[in-house]
């Protein structure tokens, strides 16, 4: 649903109607004296059940709602892998499985200790509380925020057996989002979805209630940003492609421009606009405005493996989103956060195994071990200076041996869980990697060929201390070397949070809106 632009000048322009950008726009436009324009390249999600019905989320992958970015050939990873990035209002909060977590306090305190003043747990936990309407117990939870969070009831009998098997394997049944970090534990997730299983994306929660009702808020869909517009070093707006796919328009900001295009497209837009590693920009023919070597660096992700069993009984035929339970684990002593996480899937997950000949079944379940604090670091670069070309995404998966060790450990632990008595009525033949794959070298070869991602790329335009030359942003999310320009999305994280990051990205939007209001 496009709202007409009655002006081409606003107080704030938010480039990208994504997980964080919609939060910024909604909060700023609460002031009727402030005008805000949101530019989103994808379509609106209003009334679109393909997006809104959470149990359909897997159908969005590699669809028309997906930018569908391939990765560069990986020396030690799966070169067939795709990074799904949402092309729809709401960004990846309109495109994911809505697993909802507060970030561990240790993650956030690490941000603050690294130079991001104001981002510690005591600073931002109140923002999680502000944004949520949570049905879980605890005085730390919010009850009146825009984003409904609900606890999955656990109607899946195989998932129930899995949690019992975890307990038999020494992994206690421990609820999440209690205010304490779960280092070793398993439980049903919380999800940002309402009682009718309508996803609580940032667009549904923040924009839908006010679109068309606030004359100071314009939300434009189907408009793709081409480059930011500068007068000297001050960002004054952005050029975008009109929905007619021919004409270039410009929208200007009196106060500030906020880029919220996500961890792949935000560094791309900055580089197209002359902000990035100078040598790279010159190589592709972009004039350098600010030599910012950290733009497109520090790409972090949660790499994910898969182990799958044929089910001895019929699997559930209904689910909120088919990935309803999870496990955290510490693979070495002394950790203050888990370094291994599993998502339990009540469906087969052969996206990366079938092409290699591993057997599959339509009646199967799986565990997907992922490395929560991966140490491999990748990059995002321009392919050319043409905004229409997909960027070069090189995650460099498993280039650090830590990640390979944790993932290998995860496959072995998954087998130990499946061997417990509680799962004896469910776990049939191991389909992938299969019982013949036993040694660490064999498991690692399987991982390299078949791993996926949890679709959590982050940290590519990180914030940091004023004197940190590797950080393109200061702790107030301002782009160093410019005026009137901030970034607000998952790219700003200095380090990826241990858990699924969607709710944390909404929190970043809340924090950014507070800072914009304070600095106005």
Protein backbone atom coordinates (compact mmCIF):
# COMPACT_ATOMS: atom_id res chain seq x y z
CA UNK A 1 0.00 0.00 0.00
CA UNK A 2 1.73 3.15 -1.18
CA UNK A 3 0.95 6.39 0.49
CA UNK A 4 1.28 9.44 -1.77
CA UNK A 5 4.23 11.71 -1.27
CA UNK A 6 2.88 15.22 -0.98
CA UNK A 7 6.41 16.54 -0.83
CA UNK A 8 9.86 15.44 -1.90
CA UNK A 9 11.35 16.88 1.31
CA UNK A 10 10.92 15.35 4.77
CA UNK A 11 12.59 15.77 8.13
CA UNK A 12 13.81 12.16 8.05
CA UNK A 13 14.24 9.71 5.20
CA UNK A 14 14.51 6.02 6.11
CA UNK A 15 16.04 4.04 3.26
CA UNK A 16 14.76 0.49 3.66
CA UNK A 17 11.49 -0.56 5.28
CA UNK A 18 13.17 -3.40 7.12
CA UNK A 19 13.26 -4.91 10.59
CA UNK A 20 14.82 -1.83 12.20
CA UNK A 21 13.89 0.90 9.73
CA UNK A 22 10.15 0.54 10.30
CA UNK A 23 10.69 0.90 14.04
CA UNK A 24 12.58 4.16 13.48
CA UNK A 25 9.90 5.52 11.15
CA UNK A 26 7.02 4.61 13.45
CA UNK A 27 8.66 6.06 16.54
CA UNK A 28 9.78 9.31 14.89
CA UNK A 29 6.36 9.88 13.32
CA UNK A 30 4.71 9.71 16.75
CA UNK A 31 5.55 13.42 16.82
CA UNK A 32 3.01 15.05 14.49
CA UNK A 33 5.44 17.91 13.86
CA UNK A 34 8.03 15.56 12.34
CA UNK A 35 7.71 14.25 8.78
CA UNK A 36 9.12 10.85 7.83
CA UNK A 37 9.44 9.01 4.52
CA UNK A 38 10.20 5.29 4.22
CA UNK A 39 11.53 3.89 0.94
CA UNK A 40 11.17 0.14 0.42
CA UNK A 41 12.28 -1.65 -2.74
CA UNK A 42 9.92 -4.58 -2.29
CA UNK A 43 6.12 -4.72 -2.29
CA UNK A 44 3.85 -4.03 0.64
CA UNK A 45 2.95 -6.92 2.92
CA UNK A 46 -0.49 -5.53 3.77
CA UNK A 47 -3.09 -8.23 3.18
CA UNK A 48 -0.54 -10.65 1.72
CA UNK A 49 -1.03 -14.04 3.37
CA UNK A 50 2.09 -15.42 1.67
CA UNK A 51 4.02 -13.16 4.02
CA UNK A 52 1.69 -12.75 6.99
CA UNK A 53 0.81 -16.41 7.59
CA UNK A 54 3.85 -17.57 9.53
CA UNK A 55 3.58 -21.26 8.66
CA UNK A 56 4.23 -20.37 5.00
CA UNK A 57 7.61 -18.76 5.65
CA UNK A 58 9.76 -21.42 3.96
CA UNK A 59 7.96 -20.75 0.68
CA UNK A 60 9.44 -17.23 0.68
CA UNK A 61 12.97 -18.54 0.19
CA UNK A 62 14.22 -18.08 -3.38
CA UNK A 63 10.86 -16.55 -4.31
CA UNK A 64 9.91 -13.17 -5.70
CA UNK A 65 10.08 -11.84 -2.15
CA UNK A 66 13.79 -12.72 -1.93
CA UNK A 67 16.85 -10.87 -3.25
CA UNK A 68 18.39 -14.38 -3.25
CA UNK A 69 22.09 -13.56 -3.04
CA UNK A 70 24.53 -16.31 -3.99
CA UNK A 71 27.82 -16.59 -2.16
CA UNK A 72 31.20 -16.47 -3.79
CA UNK A 73 32.94 -19.84 -4.22
CA UNK A 74 33.91 -21.10 -0.78
CA UNK A 75 37.23 -22.80 -0.18
CA UNK A 76 35.91 -24.65 2.87
CA UNK A 77 32.16 -24.14 2.68
CA UNK A 78 29.09 -24.79 0.56
CA UNK A 79 29.40 -22.74 -2.63
CA UNK A 80 25.78 -23.53 -3.58
CA UNK A 81 24.48 -21.61 -0.59
CA UNK A 82 22.13 -18.65 -0.95
CA UNK A 83 21.63 -15.74 1.39
CA UNK A 84 17.91 -15.03 1.53
CA UNK A 85 17.34 -11.29 2.01
CA UNK A 86 13.77 -10.12 2.10
CA UNK A 87 12.34 -8.02 -0.72
CA UNK A 88 9.15 -6.89 1.01
CA UNK A 89 8.00 -4.35 3.57
CA UNK A 90 9.17 -5.56 6.97
CA UNK A 91 12.48 -6.83 5.65
CA UNK A 92 13.67 -10.11 7.07
CA UNK A 93 11.13 -9.85 9.91
CA UNK A 94 8.59 -10.49 7.11
CA UNK A 95 10.62 -13.40 5.78
CA UNK A 96 11.86 -15.43 8.74
CA UNK A 97 10.53 -18.03 11.18
CA UNK A 98 9.95 -15.40 13.91
CA UNK A 99 12.04 -17.09 16.60
CA UNK A 100 12.17 -14.41 19.30
CA UNK A 101 15.08 -13.88 21.67
CA UNK A 102 16.45 -11.21 23.90
CA UNK A 103 20.21 -11.15 23.32
CA UNK A 104 22.30 -12.45 26.21
CA UNK A 105 23.49 -9.72 28.55
CA UNK A 106 27.03 -10.92 27.93
CA UNK A 107 26.73 -10.12 24.22
CA UNK A 108 25.52 -6.59 24.86
CA UNK A 109 28.02 -5.90 27.63
CA UNK A 110 30.69 -7.03 25.19
CA UNK A 111 29.50 -4.39 22.72
CA UNK A 112 29.79 -1.72 25.40
CA UNK A 113 33.21 -2.91 26.56
CA UNK A 114 34.42 -2.75 22.95
CA UNK A 115 33.67 0.95 22.66
CA UNK A 116 29.91 1.08 22.00
CA UNK A 117 28.95 3.30 24.92
CA UNK A 118 25.29 3.07 25.83
CA UNK A 119 24.73 -0.40 24.39
CA UNK A 120 25.26 -2.54 27.49
CA UNK A 121 22.54 -4.82 28.84
CA UNK A 122 21.45 -2.32 31.49
CA UNK A 123 21.09 0.31 28.75
CA UNK A 124 19.08 -1.68 26.22
CA UNK A 125 17.16 -4.33 28.14
CA UNK A 126 14.50 -1.66 28.85
CA UNK A 127 14.12 -1.29 25.08
CA UNK A 128 13.31 -4.99 24.67
CA UNK A 129 10.69 -4.52 27.38
CA UNK A 130 9.31 -1.45 25.58
CA UNK A 131 8.89 -3.19 22.23
CA UNK A 132 7.27 -6.43 23.39
CA UNK A 133 3.90 -7.66 24.57
CA UNK A 134 5.05 -10.98 26.00
CA UNK A 135 2.94 -13.79 27.47
CA UNK A 136 5.82 -15.29 29.47
CA UNK A 137 6.17 -14.74 33.22
CA UNK A 138 8.68 -12.29 34.67
CA UNK A 139 8.72 -8.65 35.71
CA UNK A 140 11.41 -7.95 33.10
CA UNK A 141 8.95 -8.59 30.26
CA UNK A 142 6.87 -5.94 28.53
CA UNK A 143 3.09 -6.30 28.38
CA UNK A 144 2.06 -3.36 26.21
CA UNK A 145 4.61 -3.04 23.41
CA UNK A 146 3.72 -3.29 19.72
CA UNK A 147 5.35 -6.70 19.11
CA UNK A 148 3.41 -9.70 20.40
CA UNK A 149 5.63 -12.52 21.64
CA UNK A 150 4.06 -15.82 22.59
CA UNK A 151 5.38 -19.05 24.01
CA UNK A 152 4.94 -22.12 21.83
CA UNK A 153 2.72 -24.62 23.63
CA UNK A 154 4.48 -27.73 22.43
CA UNK A 155 1.82 -29.77 20.62
CA UNK A 156 4.33 -31.70 18.48
CA UNK A 157 4.82 -35.18 19.99
CA UNK A 158 8.20 -35.70 18.32
CA UNK A 159 9.39 -32.36 19.67
CA UNK A 160 8.16 -33.37 23.13
CA UNK A 161 10.14 -36.59 22.85
CA UNK A 162 13.17 -34.61 21.74
CA UNK A 163 13.11 -32.44 24.87
CA UNK A 164 12.82 -35.57 27.00
CA UNK A 165 15.77 -37.10 25.15
CA UNK A 166 17.79 -33.96 25.76
CA UNK A 167 17.10 -34.26 29.48
CA UNK A 168 18.25 -37.89 29.38
CA UNK A 169 21.44 -36.68 27.67
CA UNK A 170 22.12 -34.13 30.41
CA UNK A 171 20.59 -31.07 28.72
CA UNK A 172 17.93 -29.72 31.09
CA UNK A 173 14.52 -28.47 30.00
CA UNK A 174 15.00 -24.74 30.52
CA UNK A 175 12.74 -21.91 29.30
CA UNK A 176 14.28 -19.11 27.23
CA UNK A 177 13.98 -15.32 27.65
CA UNK A 178 13.91 -15.51 31.44
CA UNK A 179 16.54 -12.80 31.87
CA UNK A 180 19.35 -15.31 32.42
CA UNK A 181 21.60 -16.70 29.70
CA UNK A 182 20.94 -20.37 28.95
CA UNK A 183 24.32 -21.97 28.44
CA UNK A 184 23.04 -25.54 28.35
CA UNK A 185 19.33 -26.19 27.97
CA UNK A 186 16.47 -27.08 25.64
CA UNK A 187 12.91 -25.81 25.29
CA UNK A 188 10.15 -24.63 23.01
CA UNK A 189 10.85 -21.23 21.50
CA UNK A 190 9.06 -17.97 21.88
CA UNK A 191 7.95 -16.48 18.57
CA UNK A 192 6.83 -13.03 17.46
CA UNK A 193 3.48 -14.18 16.15
CA UNK A 194 -0.04 -13.53 17.36
CA UNK A 195 -2.71 -16.01 18.47
CA UNK A 196 -3.83 -16.39 14.84
CA UNK A 197 -0.28 -17.17 13.70
CA UNK A 198 0.08 -13.82 11.93
CA UNK A 199 3.73 -12.85 12.04
CA UNK A 200 4.58 -9.85 14.17
CA UNK A 201 7.09 -8.32 11.81
CA UNK A 202 8.21 -4.72 12.23
CA UNK A 203 5.77 -3.74 9.50
CA UNK A 204 2.80 -5.54 11.09
CA UNK A 205 3.61 -4.36 14.62
CA UNK A 206 4.82 -0.83 13.99
CA UNK A 207 3.55 0.38 10.60
CA UNK A 208 0.25 -1.31 9.84
CA UNK A 209 -1.57 0.34 12.77
CA UNK A 210 -0.55 3.85 11.62
CA UNK A 211 -0.24 3.69 7.83
CA UNK A 212 -2.81 5.99 6.31
CA UNK A 213 -3.57 7.49 9.71
CA UNK A 214 -0.53 9.71 10.16
CA UNK A 215 -0.32 12.44 7.52
CA UNK A 216 3.31 13.01 8.53
CA UNK A 217 4.35 9.45 7.54
CA UNK A 218 4.81 8.36 3.93
CA UNK A 219 5.60 4.73 3.14
CA UNK A 220 6.65 4.10 -0.45
CA UNK A 221 7.00 0.53 -1.71
CA UNK A 222 8.45 -0.67 -4.99
CA UNK A 223 11.10 2.08 -4.99
CA UNK A 224 14.75 1.05 -5.05
CA UNK A 225 17.49 3.31 -3.71
CA UNK A 226 20.28 3.96 -6.20
CA UNK A 227 22.65 6.15 -4.19
CA UNK A 228 22.75 8.64 -1.35
CA UNK A 229 22.88 12.32 -2.20
CA UNK A 230 25.49 14.55 -0.57
CA UNK A 231 26.23 18.24 -0.41
CA UNK A 232 29.84 18.22 0.63
CA UNK A 233 30.01 15.61 3.39
CA UNK A 234 26.41 16.12 4.47
CA UNK A 235 23.85 13.54 3.35
CA UNK A 236 20.76 15.38 2.18
CA UNK A 237 18.70 12.59 0.63
CA UNK A 238 18.69 9.64 -1.71
CA UNK A 239 18.02 8.90 -5.35
CA UNK A 240 15.63 6.07 -6.09
CA UNK A 241 14.16 4.33 -9.09
CA UNK A 242 10.53 5.20 -9.62
CA UNK A 243 8.04 2.29 -9.79
CA UNK A 244 7.78 3.02 -13.52
CA UNK A 245 11.29 1.45 -13.65
CA UNK A 246 12.51 4.32 -15.84
CA UNK A 247 12.75 7.59 -13.97
CA UNK A 248 15.06 8.51 -11.12
CA UNK A 249 13.54 10.54 -8.31
CA UNK A 250 15.16 12.25 -5.36
CA UNK A 251 13.77 12.56 -1.85
CA UNK A 252 15.52 14.94 0.53
CA UNK A 253 15.93 15.04 4.31
CA UNK A 254 16.03 18.25 6.31
CA UNK A 255 17.50 16.51 9.34
CA UNK A 256 18.91 13.04 8.71
CA UNK A 257 18.94 10.04 6.42
CA UNK A 258 18.79 6.59 8.05
CA UNK A 259 19.99 3.64 5.97
CA UNK A 260 18.24 0.41 6.96
CA UNK A 261 18.83 -1.91 4.02
CA UNK A 262 20.31 -4.86 5.90
CA UNK A 263 23.76 -6.34 6.29
CA UNK A 264 24.28 -6.93 2.58
CA UNK A 265 22.52 -4.01 0.93
CA UNK A 266 23.52 -1.33 3.44
CA UNK A 267 27.25 -1.68 2.74
CA UNK A 268 26.40 -1.91 -0.94
CA UNK A 269 24.49 1.39 -0.89
CA UNK A 270 27.20 3.11 1.13
CA UNK A 271 29.87 1.96 -1.31
CA UNK A 272 27.79 2.99 -4.33
CA UNK A 273 27.61 6.40 -2.65
CA UNK A 274 31.39 6.68 -2.20
CA UNK A 275 31.73 5.48 1.40
CA UNK A 276 33.93 2.42 1.76
CA UNK A 277 37.41 1.02 1.19
CA UNK A 278 38.99 3.56 -1.17
CA UNK A 279 40.99 1.09 -3.23
CA UNK A 280 37.95 -1.09 -3.86
CA UNK A 281 35.77 1.87 -4.79
CA UNK A 282 38.35 3.10 -7.29
CA UNK A 283 38.67 -0.40 -8.70
CA UNK A 284 34.98 -0.44 -9.64
CA UNK A 285 34.90 3.19 -10.74
CA UNK A 286 33.14 4.85 -7.80
CA UNK A 287 34.38 8.27 -6.70
CA UNK A 288 35.58 8.17 -3.11
CA UNK A 289 33.77 10.45 -0.68
CA UNK A 290 34.93 8.83 2.58
CA UNK A 291 37.68 6.23 2.81
CA UNK A 292 36.03 3.90 5.30
CA UNK A 293 37.86 0.56 5.22
CA UNK A 294 35.38 -1.16 7.56
CA UNK A 295 32.39 -0.88 5.22
CA UNK A 296 31.66 -4.39 3.96
CA UNK A 297 34.19 -5.99 6.33
CA UNK A 298 33.55 -8.13 9.42
CA UNK A 299 30.71 -10.17 7.87
CA UNK A 300 29.53 -12.60 10.52
CA UNK A 301 26.89 -15.31 10.40
CA UNK A 302 25.57 -18.41 12.12
CA UNK A 303 26.61 -21.30 9.87
CA UNK A 304 24.25 -24.24 10.16
CA UNK A 305 24.60 -27.95 9.56
CA UNK A 306 21.91 -30.59 9.35
CA UNK A 307 21.39 -34.12 10.59
CA UNK A 308 18.15 -35.84 9.60
CA UNK A 309 16.29 -38.99 10.57
CA UNK A 310 13.39 -40.82 9.02
CA UNK A 311 10.51 -40.75 11.50
CA UNK A 312 9.08 -44.04 12.74
CA UNK A 313 5.68 -42.41 13.28
CA UNK A 314 3.77 -39.87 11.24
CA UNK A 315 5.12 -36.38 11.88
CA UNK A 316 2.83 -33.53 12.83
CA UNK A 317 0.94 -31.99 9.93
CA UNK A 318 0.40 -28.60 11.58
CA UNK A 319 2.87 -26.21 13.13
CA UNK A 320 3.29 -22.53 13.88
CA UNK A 321 6.44 -22.40 11.70
CA UNK A 322 7.92 -25.97 11.69
CA UNK A 323 10.98 -25.03 13.81
CA UNK A 324 9.46 -24.78 17.25
CA UNK A 325 12.17 -25.95 19.67
CA UNK A 326 15.85 -25.37 20.27
CA UNK A 327 18.86 -26.55 22.20
CA UNK A 328 21.85 -24.60 23.56
CA UNK A 329 25.10 -26.26 24.54
CA UNK A 330 28.62 -25.41 25.64
CA UNK A 331 31.28 -27.49 23.93
CA UNK A 332 34.10 -26.55 26.32
CA UNK A 333 34.26 -25.61 30.00
CA UNK A 334 34.16 -22.08 31.31
CA UNK A 335 31.97 -20.43 28.68
CA UNK A 336 29.62 -17.62 29.72
CA UNK A 337 27.47 -18.17 26.59
CA UNK A 338 26.64 -21.27 24.56
CA UNK A 339 28.83 -21.80 21.51
CA UNK A 340 26.44 -24.32 19.93
CA UNK A 341 22.71 -24.11 19.16
CA UNK A 342 20.28 -26.48 17.46
CA UNK A 343 16.97 -25.73 15.82
CA UNK A 344 14.62 -28.72 15.74
CA UNK A 345 12.73 -29.09 12.47
CA UNK A 346 9.57 -31.17 12.26
CA UNK A 347 10.07 -31.33 8.49
CA UNK A 348 12.78 -32.78 6.24
CA UNK A 349 15.52 -30.29 5.43
CA UNK A 350 17.28 -31.59 2.35
CA UNK A 351 17.93 -28.23 0.66
CA UNK A 352 21.66 -28.89 0.60
CA UNK A 353 21.86 -32.67 0.97
CA UNK A 354 19.76 -34.02 -1.90
CA UNK A 355 22.09 -32.76 -4.61
CA UNK A 356 24.87 -34.86 -3.10
CA UNK A 357 22.78 -38.03 -3.12
CA UNK A 358 21.88 -38.27 0.54
CA UNK A 359 18.52 -40.00 0.93
CA UNK A 360 15.48 -38.04 2.03
CA UNK A 361 11.93 -38.66 3.16
CA UNK A 362 8.77 -36.60 3.41
CA UNK A 363 8.26 -38.00 6.91
CA UNK A 364 11.43 -36.93 8.67
CA UNK A 365 12.75 -34.62 11.35
CA UNK A 366 16.09 -32.94 11.81
CA UNK A 367 18.42 -31.03 14.07
CA UNK A 368 20.45 -28.18 12.66
CA UNK A 369 23.57 -27.45 14.73
CA UNK A 370 24.81 -23.91 14.32
CA UNK A 371 27.89 -22.09 15.54
CA UNK A 372 26.55 -19.29 17.70
CA UNK A 373 29.80 -17.33 17.98
CA UNK A 374 31.56 -18.15 14.75
CA UNK A 375 35.07 -16.76 14.31
CA UNK A 376 35.24 -16.81 10.52
CA UNK A 377 34.93 -13.35 8.97
CA UNK A 378 33.76 -12.47 5.48
CA UNK A 379 33.17 -9.48 3.24
CA UNK A 380 30.58 -7.74 1.09
CA UNK A 381 31.92 -5.96 -1.99
CA UNK A 382 30.52 -4.30 -5.09
CA UNK A 383 30.42 -6.44 -8.20
CA UNK A 384 30.24 -3.31 -10.34
CA UNK A 385 29.17 0.29 -9.84
CA UNK A 386 25.73 -0.54 -11.28
CA UNK A 387 23.19 -0.54 -8.44
CA UNK A 388 21.22 -3.29 -10.20
CA UNK A 389 24.04 -5.82 -9.92
CA UNK A 390 24.10 -8.19 -6.98
CA UNK A 391 27.00 -7.59 -4.60
CA UNK A 392 29.83 -10.02 -4.00
CA UNK A 393 29.05 -11.87 -0.77
CA UNK A 394 31.96 -13.91 0.56
CA UNK A 395 31.24 -15.30 4.06
CA UNK A 396 34.47 -17.37 4.12
CA UNK A 397 32.74 -20.10 6.05
CA UNK A 398 34.87 -22.41 8.17
CA UNK A 399 38.07 -20.51 7.51
CA UNK A 400 38.57 -20.56 11.29
CA UNK A 401 39.05 -23.99 12.82
CA UNK A 402 36.90 -23.09 15.83
CA UNK A 403 33.78 -23.14 13.65
CA UNK A 404 34.61 -26.55 12.20
CA UNK A 405 35.26 -27.97 15.67
CA UNK A 406 31.97 -26.71 17.12
CA UNK A 407 29.91 -27.91 14.15
CA UNK A 408 31.52 -31.36 14.20
CA UNK A 409 30.85 -31.56 17.92
CA UNK A 410 27.22 -30.65 17.19
CA UNK A 411 26.67 -33.54 14.80
CA UNK A 412 28.05 -35.99 17.36
CA UNK A 413 25.92 -34.51 20.13
CA UNK A 414 22.82 -34.73 17.93
CA UNK A 415 23.46 -38.42 17.45
CA UNK A 416 23.80 -38.88 21.19
CA UNK A 417 20.45 -37.17 21.75
CA UNK A 418 18.78 -39.32 19.09
CA UNK A 419 20.06 -42.48 20.78
CA UNK A 420 18.29 -41.71 24.07
CA UNK A 421 15.32 -43.88 25.07
CA UNK A 422 12.83 -41.01 24.80
CA UNK A 423 13.40 -40.79 21.03
CA UNK A 424 13.44 -44.54 20.38
CA UNK A 425 9.89 -44.42 19.07
CA UNK A 426 10.70 -41.63 16.62
CA UNK A 427 14.29 -41.79 15.37
CA UNK A 428 14.49 -44.22 12.48
CA UNK A 429 17.24 -44.43 9.90
CA UNK A 430 19.70 -41.55 9.85
CA UNK A 431 19.30 -40.14 6.34
CA UNK A 432 22.04 -37.54 6.37
CA UNK A 433 24.93 -37.71 6.88
CA UNK A 434 24.15 -41.39 7.49
CA UNK A 435 25.65 -43.99 9.83
CA UNK A 436 28.71 -44.61 7.64
CA UNK A 437 29.98 -41.06 8.17
CA UNK A 438 31.84 -41.39 11.47
CA UNK A 439 35.29 -39.82 11.69
CA UNK A 440 35.91 -36.12 12.25
CA UNK A 441 37.33 -35.81 8.76
CA UNK A 442 34.27 -37.49 7.24
CA UNK A 443 31.91 -35.31 9.25
CA UNK A 444 33.80 -32.18 8.30
CA UNK A 445 33.71 -33.10 4.61
CA UNK A 446 29.94 -33.53 4.94
CA UNK A 447 29.64 -30.15 6.69
CA UNK A 448 31.66 -28.37 4.01
CA UNK A 449 29.46 -29.79 1.25
CA UNK A 450 26.02 -29.45 2.81
CA UNK A 451 25.96 -26.71 5.44
CA UNK A 452 23.52 -23.85 5.21
CA UNK A 453 23.07 -20.59 7.08
CA UNK A 454 20.52 -19.53 9.68
CA UNK A 455 20.20 -16.42 7.48
CA UNK A 456 21.80 -14.13 10.06
CA UNK A 457 24.44 -12.09 8.19
CA UNK A 458 25.46 -9.12 10.31
CA UNK A 459 28.20 -6.72 11.40
CA UNK A 460 29.23 -5.36 7.97
CA UNK A 461 28.98 -1.67 8.97
CA UNK A 462 29.81 -2.03 12.63
CA UNK A 463 29.65 0.63 15.28
CA UNK A 464 32.58 1.28 17.56
CA UNK A 465 34.61 3.83 19.46
CA UNK A 466 35.31 7.17 17.82
CA UNK A 467 38.97 6.25 17.34
CA UNK A 468 38.29 2.73 16.01
CA UNK A 469 39.24 3.02 12.34
CA UNK A 470 37.75 -0.41 11.61
CA UNK A 471 34.29 0.80 12.70
CA UNK A 472 32.46 2.90 10.06
CA UNK A 473 29.93 4.06 12.69
CA UNK A 474 30.22 5.71 16.07
CA UNK A 475 28.21 4.47 19.03
CA UNK A 476 25.31 6.75 18.02
CA UNK A 477 25.12 4.97 14.66
CA UNK A 478 26.43 8.01 12.77
CA UNK A 479 28.54 7.33 9.69
CA UNK A 480 32.00 8.66 10.48
CA UNK A 481 33.27 11.28 8.08
CA UNK A 482 29.75 12.44 7.17
CA UNK A 483 26.94 14.51 8.61
CA UNK A 484 23.24 13.76 8.63
CA UNK A 485 23.67 10.03 7.98
CA UNK A 486 23.11 7.02 10.22
CA UNK A 487 22.79 3.28 9.76
CA UNK A 488 20.19 1.25 11.63
CA UNK A 489 19.96 -2.50 10.98
CA UNK A 490 21.81 -5.71 11.77
CA UNK A 491 24.94 -4.46 10.02
CA UNK A 492 25.70 -2.13 12.95
CA UNK A 493 26.39 -4.96 15.42
CA UNK A 494 30.09 -5.11 16.28
CA UNK A 495 29.64 -8.83 16.94
CA UNK A 496 26.68 -11.01 16.04
CA UNK A 497 24.53 -11.91 19.01
CA UNK A 498 24.56 -15.53 20.16
CA UNK A 499 20.86 -16.04 19.41
CA UNK A 500 18.44 -15.38 16.54
CA UNK A 501 18.85 -11.62 16.04
CA UNK A 502 15.44 -10.37 14.80
CA UNK A 503 14.18 -8.91 18.09
CA UNK A 504 17.60 -7.40 18.79
CA UNK A 505 17.44 -5.68 15.41
CA UNK A 506 14.07 -4.21 16.38
CA UNK A 507 15.70 -3.06 19.63
CA UNK A 508 18.39 -1.33 17.56
CA UNK A 509 15.57 0.52 15.81
CA UNK A 510 14.15 1.65 19.15
CA UNK A 511 17.59 2.83 20.27
CA UNK A 512 18.23 4.68 17.02
CA UNK A 513 14.90 6.50 17.25
CA UNK A 514 15.74 7.60 20.79
CA UNK A 515 19.11 8.93 19.66
CA UNK A 516 17.65 10.76 16.66
CA UNK A 517 15.11 12.48 18.90
CA UNK A 518 17.78 13.37 21.44
CA UNK A 519 20.09 14.79 18.77
CA UNK A 520 17.42 16.74 16.88
